[in-house]
Amino acid sequence: MGDRNKIPYTNAVIHDIQQYIDLIPTNLPHAMSEDVQFREYLMPKGTTIIPMLSSVLYDDEEFPNPDQFDPGHFLDESGNFKSDYFMPFSAGKQMCVGESLARMELFLLFTTILQNFTLKSSNDLKDIDTSPIASGFGKLPPSYELCFLPL
């Protein structure tokens, strides 16, 4: 895990995959614990809100061309990793309790695969559509075959 900061592009790829597929576009309902004034709106205590994570993950000011896979979304001008506006797990005080574990597991699994296998598609790369498929509560990546060839 200590190597994550030394490989910013790989870290950016993992983050952009999550931003691009937008697996869970809305969070679970939350209830306001106190009255909150947000811009010109008053949300009284007890109001149920549903955070729209997609509104951040697909913000075209922060992510130019958010509907395209581009690890550059998470790299600054110097090639360093940045993760502002990244919230695929949740928002607010009731964030996903397993977020840090999930981030660690994604990083370890992805880098282990890249270190030990060459990935090869059975289809021509230009014929693969990676657009997420809306499926009720979430967006799922489309299925396709991928060969893991040992190094």
N, C-alpha and C. Protein backbone atom coordinates (compact mmCIF):
# COMPACT_ATOMS: atom_id res chain seq x y z
N MET A 1 0.82 -1.20 0.00
CA MET A 1 0.00 0.00 0.00
C MET A 1 0.87 1.26 0.00
N GLY A 2 2.06 1.13 0.54
CA GLY A 2 2.96 2.28 0.57
C GLY A 2 3.39 2.73 -0.82
N ASP A 3 3.25 1.86 -1.81
CA ASP A 3 3.65 2.20 -3.17
C ASP A 3 2.58 3.00 -3.92
N ARG A 4 1.38 3.08 -3.37
CA ARG A 4 0.29 3.74 -4.09
C ARG A 4 0.66 5.17 -4.49
N ASN A 5 1.31 5.91 -3.62
CA ASN A 5 1.68 7.29 -3.95
C ASN A 5 2.82 7.37 -4.96
N LYS A 6 3.53 6.26 -5.16
CA LYS A 6 4.65 6.26 -6.11
C LYS A 6 4.20 5.94 -7.54
N ILE A 7 2.95 5.50 -7.70
CA ILE A 7 2.44 5.16 -9.03
C ILE A 7 1.12 5.90 -9.28
N PRO A 8 1.22 7.23 -9.46
CA PRO A 8 0.02 8.04 -9.57
C PRO A 8 -0.87 7.67 -10.76
N TYR A 9 -0.28 7.26 -11.88
CA TYR A 9 -1.11 6.93 -13.05
C TYR A 9 -1.98 5.70 -12.76
N THR A 10 -1.40 4.69 -12.13
CA THR A 10 -2.17 3.49 -11.79
C THR A 10 -3.29 3.86 -10.82
N ASN A 11 -3.00 4.68 -9.85
CA ASN A 11 -4.00 5.13 -8.90
C ASN A 11 -5.10 5.92 -9.63
N ALA A 12 -4.71 6.74 -10.60
CA ALA A 12 -5.67 7.51 -11.38
C ALA A 12 -6.56 6.59 -12.22
N VAL A 13 -5.99 5.52 -12.77
CA VAL A 13 -6.78 4.56 -13.55
C VAL A 13 -7.87 3.94 -12.68
N ILE A 14 -7.50 3.50 -11.49
CA ILE A 14 -8.47 2.88 -10.58
C ILE A 14 -9.58 3.87 -10.24
N HIS A 15 -9.22 5.10 -9.97
CA HIS A 15 -10.23 6.11 -9.63
C HIS A 15 -11.11 6.44 -10.83
N ASP A 16 -10.52 6.52 -12.02
CA ASP A 16 -11.32 6.88 -13.18
C ASP A 16 -12.27 5.74 -13.57
N ILE A 17 -11.87 4.51 -13.35
CA ILE A 17 -12.79 3.40 -13.59
C ILE A 17 -14.04 3.59 -12.73
N GLN A 18 -13.83 3.92 -11.45
CA GLN A 18 -14.97 4.11 -10.54
C GLN A 18 -15.80 5.33 -10.93
N GLN A 19 -15.12 6.41 -11.34
CA GLN A 19 -15.85 7.60 -11.78
C GLN A 19 -16.63 7.29 -13.05
N TYR A 20 -16.01 6.62 -13.98
CA TYR A 20 -16.61 6.36 -15.28
C TYR A 20 -17.84 5.45 -15.19
N ILE A 21 -17.73 4.36 -14.43
CA ILE A 21 -18.88 3.45 -14.38
C ILE A 21 -19.97 3.96 -13.46
N ASP A 22 -19.62 4.81 -12.48
CA ASP A 22 -20.62 5.40 -11.60
C ASP A 22 -21.56 4.30 -11.09
N LEU A 23 -20.98 3.32 -10.42
CA LEU A 23 -21.67 2.09 -10.04
C LEU A 23 -22.97 2.33 -9.28
N ILE A 24 -22.93 3.18 -8.28
CA ILE A 24 -24.13 3.50 -7.49
C ILE A 24 -24.36 5.02 -7.62
N PRO A 25 -25.20 5.45 -8.59
CA PRO A 25 -25.38 6.88 -8.85
C PRO A 25 -26.01 7.67 -7.71
N THR A 26 -26.84 7.01 -6.91
CA THR A 26 -27.45 7.70 -5.77
C THR A 26 -27.05 6.98 -4.50
N ASN A 27 -26.97 7.74 -3.45
CA ASN A 27 -26.65 7.15 -2.16
C ASN A 27 -27.94 6.72 -1.48
N LEU A 28 -27.81 6.04 -0.37
CA LEU A 28 -28.98 5.69 0.42
C LEU A 28 -29.60 6.95 1.00
N PRO A 29 -30.89 6.91 1.29
CA PRO A 29 -31.54 8.10 1.87
C PRO A 29 -30.91 8.48 3.21
N HIS A 30 -30.80 9.76 3.43
CA HIS A 30 -30.32 10.32 4.68
C HIS A 30 -31.43 11.21 5.24
N ALA A 31 -31.45 11.41 6.54
CA ALA A 31 -32.40 12.33 7.16
C ALA A 31 -31.63 13.48 7.78
N MET A 32 -32.13 14.68 7.61
CA MET A 32 -31.49 15.86 8.18
C MET A 32 -31.62 15.79 9.70
N SER A 33 -30.50 15.94 10.41
CA SER A 33 -30.52 15.87 11.87
C SER A 33 -30.82 17.23 12.50
N GLU A 34 -30.79 18.27 11.67
CA GLU A 34 -31.13 19.62 12.14
C GLU A 34 -31.55 20.43 10.92
N ASP A 35 -32.17 21.57 11.15
CA ASP A 35 -32.53 22.45 10.03
C ASP A 35 -31.25 22.91 9.33
N VAL A 36 -31.28 22.88 8.01
CA VAL A 36 -30.12 23.31 7.23
C VAL A 36 -30.58 24.26 6.13
N GLN A 37 -29.91 25.40 6.05
CA GLN A 37 -30.15 26.34 4.96
C GLN A 37 -29.08 26.08 3.91
N PHE A 38 -29.49 25.71 2.71
CA PHE A 38 -28.56 25.47 1.61
C PHE A 38 -28.99 26.36 0.47
N ARG A 39 -28.13 27.34 0.17
CA ARG A 39 -28.44 28.38 -0.81
C ARG A 39 -29.79 28.98 -0.45
N GLU A 40 -30.78 28.96 -1.35
CA GLU A 40 -32.06 29.58 -1.01
C GLU A 40 -33.09 28.57 -0.49
N TYR A 41 -32.63 27.37 -0.16
CA TYR A 41 -33.54 26.32 0.31
C TYR A 41 -33.36 26.04 1.80
N LEU A 42 -34.48 25.86 2.48
CA LEU A 42 -34.45 25.43 3.87
C LEU A 42 -34.86 23.96 3.91
N MET A 43 -33.99 23.14 4.48
CA MET A 43 -34.31 21.72 4.65
C MET A 43 -34.52 21.49 6.14
N PRO A 44 -35.79 21.32 6.55
CA PRO A 44 -36.06 21.16 7.98
C PRO A 44 -35.56 19.83 8.51
N LYS A 45 -35.31 19.82 9.80
CA LYS A 45 -34.90 18.60 10.50
C LYS A 45 -35.90 17.48 10.15
N GLY A 46 -35.36 16.29 9.88
CA GLY A 46 -36.20 15.15 9.54
C GLY A 46 -36.44 14.96 8.05
N THR A 47 -36.08 15.96 7.24
CA THR A 47 -36.26 15.85 5.79
C THR A 47 -35.37 14.73 5.25
N THR A 48 -35.95 13.89 4.42
CA THR A 48 -35.18 12.82 3.78
C THR A 48 -34.56 13.37 2.51
N ILE A 49 -33.27 13.14 2.37
CA ILE A 49 -32.57 13.55 1.15
C ILE A 49 -31.86 12.33 0.57
N ILE A 50 -31.71 12.33 -0.73
CA ILE A 50 -30.99 11.26 -1.42
C ILE A 50 -29.85 11.92 -2.19
N PRO A 51 -28.62 11.79 -1.70
CA PRO A 51 -27.48 12.40 -2.40
C PRO A 51 -27.29 11.80 -3.79
N MET A 52 -27.12 12.67 -4.77
CA MET A 52 -26.88 12.26 -6.15
C MET A 52 -25.38 12.29 -6.40
N LEU A 53 -24.72 11.15 -6.20
CA LEU A 53 -23.27 11.08 -6.37
C LEU A 53 -22.87 11.36 -7.82
N SER A 54 -23.74 11.01 -8.76
CA SER A 54 -23.45 11.27 -10.17
C SER A 54 -23.26 12.74 -10.46
N SER A 55 -23.95 13.60 -9.70
CA SER A 55 -23.83 15.03 -9.97
C SER A 55 -22.40 15.51 -9.73
N VAL A 56 -21.66 14.82 -8.88
CA VAL A 56 -20.26 15.16 -8.64
C VAL A 56 -19.37 14.38 -9.60
N LEU A 57 -19.60 13.08 -9.73
CA LEU A 57 -18.75 12.24 -10.58
C LEU A 57 -18.84 12.61 -12.06
N TYR A 58 -19.94 13.23 -12.46
CA TYR A 58 -20.10 13.62 -13.86
C TYR A 58 -20.12 15.14 -14.04
N ASP A 59 -19.52 15.86 -13.10
CA ASP A 59 -19.41 17.31 -13.19
C ASP A 59 -18.40 17.65 -14.28
N ASP A 60 -18.88 18.22 -15.38
CA ASP A 60 -17.98 18.47 -16.52
C ASP A 60 -17.01 19.62 -16.29
N GLU A 61 -17.19 20.38 -15.22
CA GLU A 61 -16.18 21.39 -14.89
C GLU A 61 -14.97 20.74 -14.23
N GLU A 62 -15.22 19.74 -13.39
CA GLU A 62 -14.12 19.05 -12.72
C GLU A 62 -13.54 17.93 -13.59
N PHE A 63 -14.41 17.25 -14.33
CA PHE A 63 -14.00 16.14 -15.18
C PHE A 63 -14.36 16.46 -16.63
N PRO A 64 -13.45 17.09 -17.37
CA PRO A 64 -13.75 17.34 -18.78
C PRO A 64 -14.08 16.00 -19.47
N ASN A 65 -15.15 15.98 -20.22
CA ASN A 65 -15.62 14.76 -20.88
C ASN A 65 -15.83 13.63 -19.86
N PRO A 66 -16.70 13.82 -18.88
CA PRO A 66 -16.87 12.81 -17.83
C PRO A 66 -17.41 11.48 -18.32
N ASP A 67 -18.01 11.49 -19.51
CA ASP A 67 -18.56 10.24 -20.05
C ASP A 67 -17.52 9.44 -20.83
N GLN A 68 -16.27 9.86 -20.77
CA GLN A 68 -15.18 9.14 -21.41
C GLN A 68 -14.17 8.71 -20.35
N PHE A 69 -13.64 7.51 -20.50
CA PHE A 69 -12.61 7.03 -19.59
C PHE A 69 -11.33 7.82 -19.84
N ASP A 70 -10.83 8.48 -18.81
CA ASP A 70 -9.62 9.30 -18.94
C ASP A 70 -8.95 9.42 -17.57
N PRO A 71 -7.91 8.62 -17.30
CA PRO A 71 -7.22 8.72 -16.02
C PRO A 71 -6.66 10.11 -15.74
N GLY A 72 -6.51 10.94 -16.78
CA GLY A 72 -6.06 12.31 -16.59
C GLY A 72 -7.00 13.13 -15.72
N HIS A 73 -8.23 12.66 -15.56
CA HIS A 73 -9.16 13.35 -14.65
C HIS A 73 -8.58 13.43 -13.24
N PHE A 74 -7.71 12.49 -12.89
CA PHE A 74 -7.18 12.40 -11.53
C PHE A 74 -5.69 12.70 -11.45
N LEU A 75 -5.19 13.40 -12.44
CA LEU A 75 -3.78 13.81 -12.42
C LEU A 75 -3.71 15.33 -12.61
N ASP A 76 -2.81 15.97 -11.85
CA ASP A 76 -2.63 17.41 -12.05
C ASP A 76 -1.66 17.65 -13.20
N GLU A 77 -1.32 18.90 -13.43
CA GLU A 77 -0.45 19.26 -14.56
C GLU A 77 0.93 18.60 -14.47
N SER A 78 1.36 18.27 -13.25
CA SER A 78 2.67 17.65 -13.06
C SER A 78 2.61 16.12 -13.06
N GLY A 79 1.42 15.55 -13.27
CA GLY A 79 1.30 14.09 -13.27
C GLY A 79 1.10 13.50 -11.89
N ASN A 80 0.87 14.35 -10.89
CA ASN A 80 0.63 13.88 -9.53
C ASN A 80 -0.85 13.54 -9.36
N PHE A 81 -1.12 12.55 -8.53
CA PHE A 81 -2.49 12.12 -8.28
C PHE A 81 -3.26 13.17 -7.49
N LYS A 82 -4.51 13.39 -7.87
CA LYS A 82 -5.41 14.26 -7.11
C LYS A 82 -6.77 13.57 -7.05
N SER A 83 -7.47 13.74 -5.96
CA SER A 83 -8.76 13.06 -5.85
C SER A 83 -9.89 13.98 -5.40
N ASP A 84 -9.79 15.25 -5.70
CA ASP A 84 -10.89 16.16 -5.38
C ASP A 84 -12.13 15.71 -6.14
N TYR A 85 -13.27 15.89 -5.55
CA TYR A 85 -14.55 15.58 -6.18
C TYR A 85 -14.73 14.10 -6.49
N PHE A 86 -14.12 13.24 -5.71
CA PHE A 86 -14.25 11.79 -5.90
C PHE A 86 -15.07 11.23 -4.76
N MET A 87 -16.25 10.73 -5.06
CA MET A 87 -17.08 10.19 -3.99
C MET A 87 -17.97 9.05 -4.51
N PRO A 88 -17.38 7.95 -4.97
CA PRO A 88 -18.22 6.86 -5.45
C PRO A 88 -18.85 6.03 -4.33
N PHE A 89 -18.38 6.22 -3.10
CA PHE A 89 -18.87 5.39 -2.00
C PHE A 89 -19.99 6.06 -1.21
N SER A 90 -19.98 7.37 -1.12
CA SER A 90 -21.00 8.08 -0.37
C SER A 90 -20.56 9.51 -0.16
N ALA A 91 -21.38 10.24 0.61
CA ALA A 91 -21.07 11.63 0.92
C ALA A 91 -21.56 11.93 2.33
N GLY A 92 -20.91 12.88 2.94
CA GLY A 92 -21.36 13.34 4.24
C GLY A 92 -20.86 12.48 5.39
N LYS A 93 -21.50 12.69 6.54
CA LYS A 93 -21.08 12.01 7.76
C LYS A 93 -21.38 10.51 7.73
N GLN A 94 -22.31 10.10 6.89
CA GLN A 94 -22.68 8.69 6.84
C GLN A 94 -22.03 7.98 5.66
N MET A 95 -20.74 8.23 5.49
CA MET A 95 -20.02 7.60 4.40
C MET A 95 -19.93 6.11 4.63
N CYS A 96 -19.66 5.39 3.58
CA CYS A 96 -19.54 3.93 3.64
C CYS A 96 -18.45 3.53 4.64
N VAL A 97 -18.80 2.70 5.61
CA VAL A 97 -17.82 2.30 6.62
C VAL A 97 -16.71 1.43 6.03
N GLY A 98 -16.97 0.79 4.91
CA GLY A 98 -15.97 -0.06 4.29
C GLY A 98 -15.17 0.61 3.19
N GLU A 99 -15.30 1.93 3.07
CA GLU A 99 -14.63 2.64 1.97
C GLU A 99 -13.12 2.45 1.98
N SER A 100 -12.46 2.62 3.11
CA SER A 100 -11.00 2.49 3.13
C SER A 100 -10.58 1.06 2.80
N LEU A 101 -11.32 0.08 3.27
CA LEU A 101 -11.02 -1.31 2.95
C LEU A 101 -11.23 -1.57 1.45
N ALA A 102 -12.32 -1.06 0.91
CA ALA A 102 -12.61 -1.24 -0.52
C ALA A 102 -11.53 -0.59 -1.38
N ARG A 103 -11.11 0.61 -1.02
CA ARG A 103 -10.06 1.29 -1.79
C ARG A 103 -8.76 0.49 -1.75
N MET A 104 -8.42 -0.03 -0.58
CA MET A 104 -7.20 -0.82 -0.45
C MET A 104 -7.31 -2.09 -1.29
N GLU A 105 -8.43 -2.78 -1.20
CA GLU A 105 -8.60 -4.03 -1.95
C GLU A 105 -8.58 -3.79 -3.45
N LEU A 106 -9.23 -2.73 -3.92
CA LEU A 106 -9.19 -2.41 -5.35
C LEU A 106 -7.77 -2.19 -5.83
N PHE A 107 -7.01 -1.42 -5.06
CA PHE A 107 -5.62 -1.13 -5.43
C PHE A 107 -4.78 -2.41 -5.45
N LEU A 108 -4.88 -3.22 -4.40
CA LEU A 108 -4.07 -4.44 -4.32
C LEU A 108 -4.45 -5.44 -5.41
N LEU A 109 -5.73 -5.62 -5.65
CA LEU A 109 -6.18 -6.56 -6.67
C LEU A 109 -5.73 -6.10 -8.06
N PHE A 110 -5.98 -4.84 -8.37
CA PHE A 110 -5.63 -4.31 -9.69
C PHE A 110 -4.13 -4.37 -9.96
N THR A 111 -3.32 -3.94 -9.00
CA THR A 111 -1.88 -3.96 -9.22
C THR A 111 -1.32 -5.38 -9.25
N THR A 112 -1.89 -6.29 -8.47
CA THR A 112 -1.45 -7.69 -8.51
C THR A 112 -1.74 -8.30 -9.88
N ILE A 113 -2.91 -8.00 -10.43
CA ILE A 113 -3.25 -8.50 -11.77
C ILE A 113 -2.27 -7.94 -12.80
N LEU A 114 -2.00 -6.63 -12.75
CA LEU A 114 -1.10 -6.02 -13.73
C LEU A 114 0.34 -6.52 -13.59
N GLN A 115 0.74 -6.88 -12.38
CA GLN A 115 2.10 -7.37 -12.16
C GLN A 115 2.29 -8.81 -12.62
N ASN A 116 1.21 -9.57 -12.69
CA ASN A 116 1.34 -11.00 -12.95
C ASN A 116 0.73 -11.49 -14.26
N PHE A 117 0.00 -10.62 -14.94
CA PHE A 117 -0.68 -11.06 -16.16
C PHE A 117 -0.60 -10.01 -17.25
N THR A 118 -0.67 -10.49 -18.49
CA THR A 118 -0.94 -9.64 -19.63
C THR A 118 -2.41 -9.82 -19.93
N LEU A 119 -3.13 -8.72 -20.08
CA LEU A 119 -4.56 -8.79 -20.35
C LEU A 119 -4.79 -8.70 -21.85
N LYS A 120 -5.63 -9.59 -22.35
CA LYS A 120 -5.89 -9.62 -23.79
C LYS A 120 -7.38 -9.86 -24.00
N SER A 121 -7.96 -9.05 -24.85
CA SER A 121 -9.37 -9.19 -25.16
C SER A 121 -9.54 -10.16 -26.32
N SER A 122 -10.64 -10.91 -26.31
CA SER A 122 -10.93 -11.80 -27.44
C SER A 122 -11.55 -11.02 -28.58
N ASN A 123 -11.94 -9.78 -28.33
CA ASN A 123 -12.52 -8.91 -29.35
C ASN A 123 -11.51 -7.82 -29.71
N ASP A 124 -11.71 -7.24 -30.88
CA ASP A 124 -10.90 -6.09 -31.27
C ASP A 124 -11.25 -4.94 -30.32
N LEU A 125 -10.26 -4.23 -29.80
CA LEU A 125 -10.49 -3.19 -28.81
C LEU A 125 -11.44 -2.10 -29.29
N LYS A 126 -11.42 -1.79 -30.58
CA LYS A 126 -12.31 -0.73 -31.08
C LYS A 126 -13.77 -1.17 -31.10
N ASP A 127 -14.02 -2.48 -30.96
CA ASP A 127 -15.40 -2.99 -30.96
C ASP A 127 -15.98 -3.13 -29.55
N ILE A 128 -15.22 -2.81 -28.54
CA ILE A 128 -15.69 -2.95 -27.16
C ILE A 128 -16.37 -1.67 -26.71
N ASP A 129 -17.60 -1.81 -26.25
CA ASP A 129 -18.33 -0.67 -25.70
C ASP A 129 -18.30 -0.80 -24.18
N THR A 130 -17.65 0.13 -23.53
CA THR A 130 -17.52 0.08 -22.07
C THR A 130 -18.57 0.94 -21.36
N SER A 131 -19.53 1.46 -22.10
CA SER A 131 -20.55 2.31 -21.49
C SER A 131 -21.31 1.52 -20.43
N PRO A 132 -21.45 2.10 -19.24
CA PRO A 132 -22.19 1.41 -18.18
C PRO A 132 -23.66 1.19 -18.58
N ILE A 133 -24.23 0.14 -18.06
CA ILE A 133 -25.61 -0.21 -18.33
C ILE A 133 -26.44 0.14 -17.09
N ALA A 134 -27.45 0.99 -17.27
CA ALA A 134 -28.32 1.34 -16.14
C ALA A 134 -29.14 0.11 -15.76
N SER A 135 -29.20 -0.16 -14.47
CA SER A 135 -29.92 -1.34 -13.99
C SER A 135 -30.58 -1.03 -12.66
N GLY A 136 -31.67 -0.29 -12.71
CA GLY A 136 -32.39 0.04 -11.47
C GLY A 136 -31.58 0.92 -10.55
N PHE A 137 -31.11 0.35 -9.45
CA PHE A 137 -30.40 1.09 -8.41
C PHE A 137 -28.99 1.49 -8.82
N GLY A 138 -28.38 0.75 -9.72
CA GLY A 138 -26.98 1.01 -10.07
C GLY A 138 -26.73 0.99 -11.56
N LYS A 139 -25.48 1.18 -11.91
CA LYS A 139 -25.01 1.07 -13.29
C LYS A 139 -23.98 -0.04 -13.31
N LEU A 140 -24.14 -0.97 -14.19
CA LEU A 140 -23.25 -2.11 -14.24
C LEU A 140 -22.35 -2.03 -15.47
N PRO A 141 -21.11 -2.44 -15.34
CA PRO A 141 -20.26 -2.49 -16.53
C PRO A 141 -20.77 -3.63 -17.43
N PRO A 142 -20.70 -3.44 -18.74
CA PRO A 142 -21.14 -4.52 -19.63
C PRO A 142 -20.20 -5.71 -19.51
N SER A 143 -20.70 -6.89 -19.81
CA SER A 143 -19.85 -8.08 -19.74
C SER A 143 -19.08 -8.24 -21.06
N TYR A 144 -17.89 -8.72 -20.94
CA TYR A 144 -17.08 -9.08 -22.11
C TYR A 144 -15.99 -10.02 -21.63
N GLU A 145 -15.42 -10.74 -22.58
CA GLU A 145 -14.40 -11.73 -22.24
C GLU A 145 -13.03 -11.08 -22.24
N LEU A 146 -12.23 -11.51 -21.26
CA LEU A 146 -10.88 -11.00 -21.11
C LEU A 146 -9.98 -12.16 -20.74
N CYS A 147 -8.87 -12.31 -21.40
CA CYS A 147 -7.92 -13.39 -21.10
C CYS A 147 -6.80 -12.86 -20.21
N PHE A 148 -6.50 -13.60 -19.17
CA PHE A 148 -5.38 -13.28 -18.29
C PHE A 148 -4.25 -14.22 -18.66
N LEU A 149 -3.22 -13.69 -19.31
CA LEU A 149 -2.09 -14.51 -19.74
C LEU A 149 -0.95 -14.33 -18.75
N PRO A 150 -0.54 -15.42 -18.09
CA PRO A 150 0.56 -15.30 -17.11
C PRO A 150 1.82 -14.73 -17.76
N LEU A 151 2.52 -13.90 -17.02
CA LEU A 151 3.78 -13.33 -17.52
C LEU A 151 4.88 -14.37 -17.51
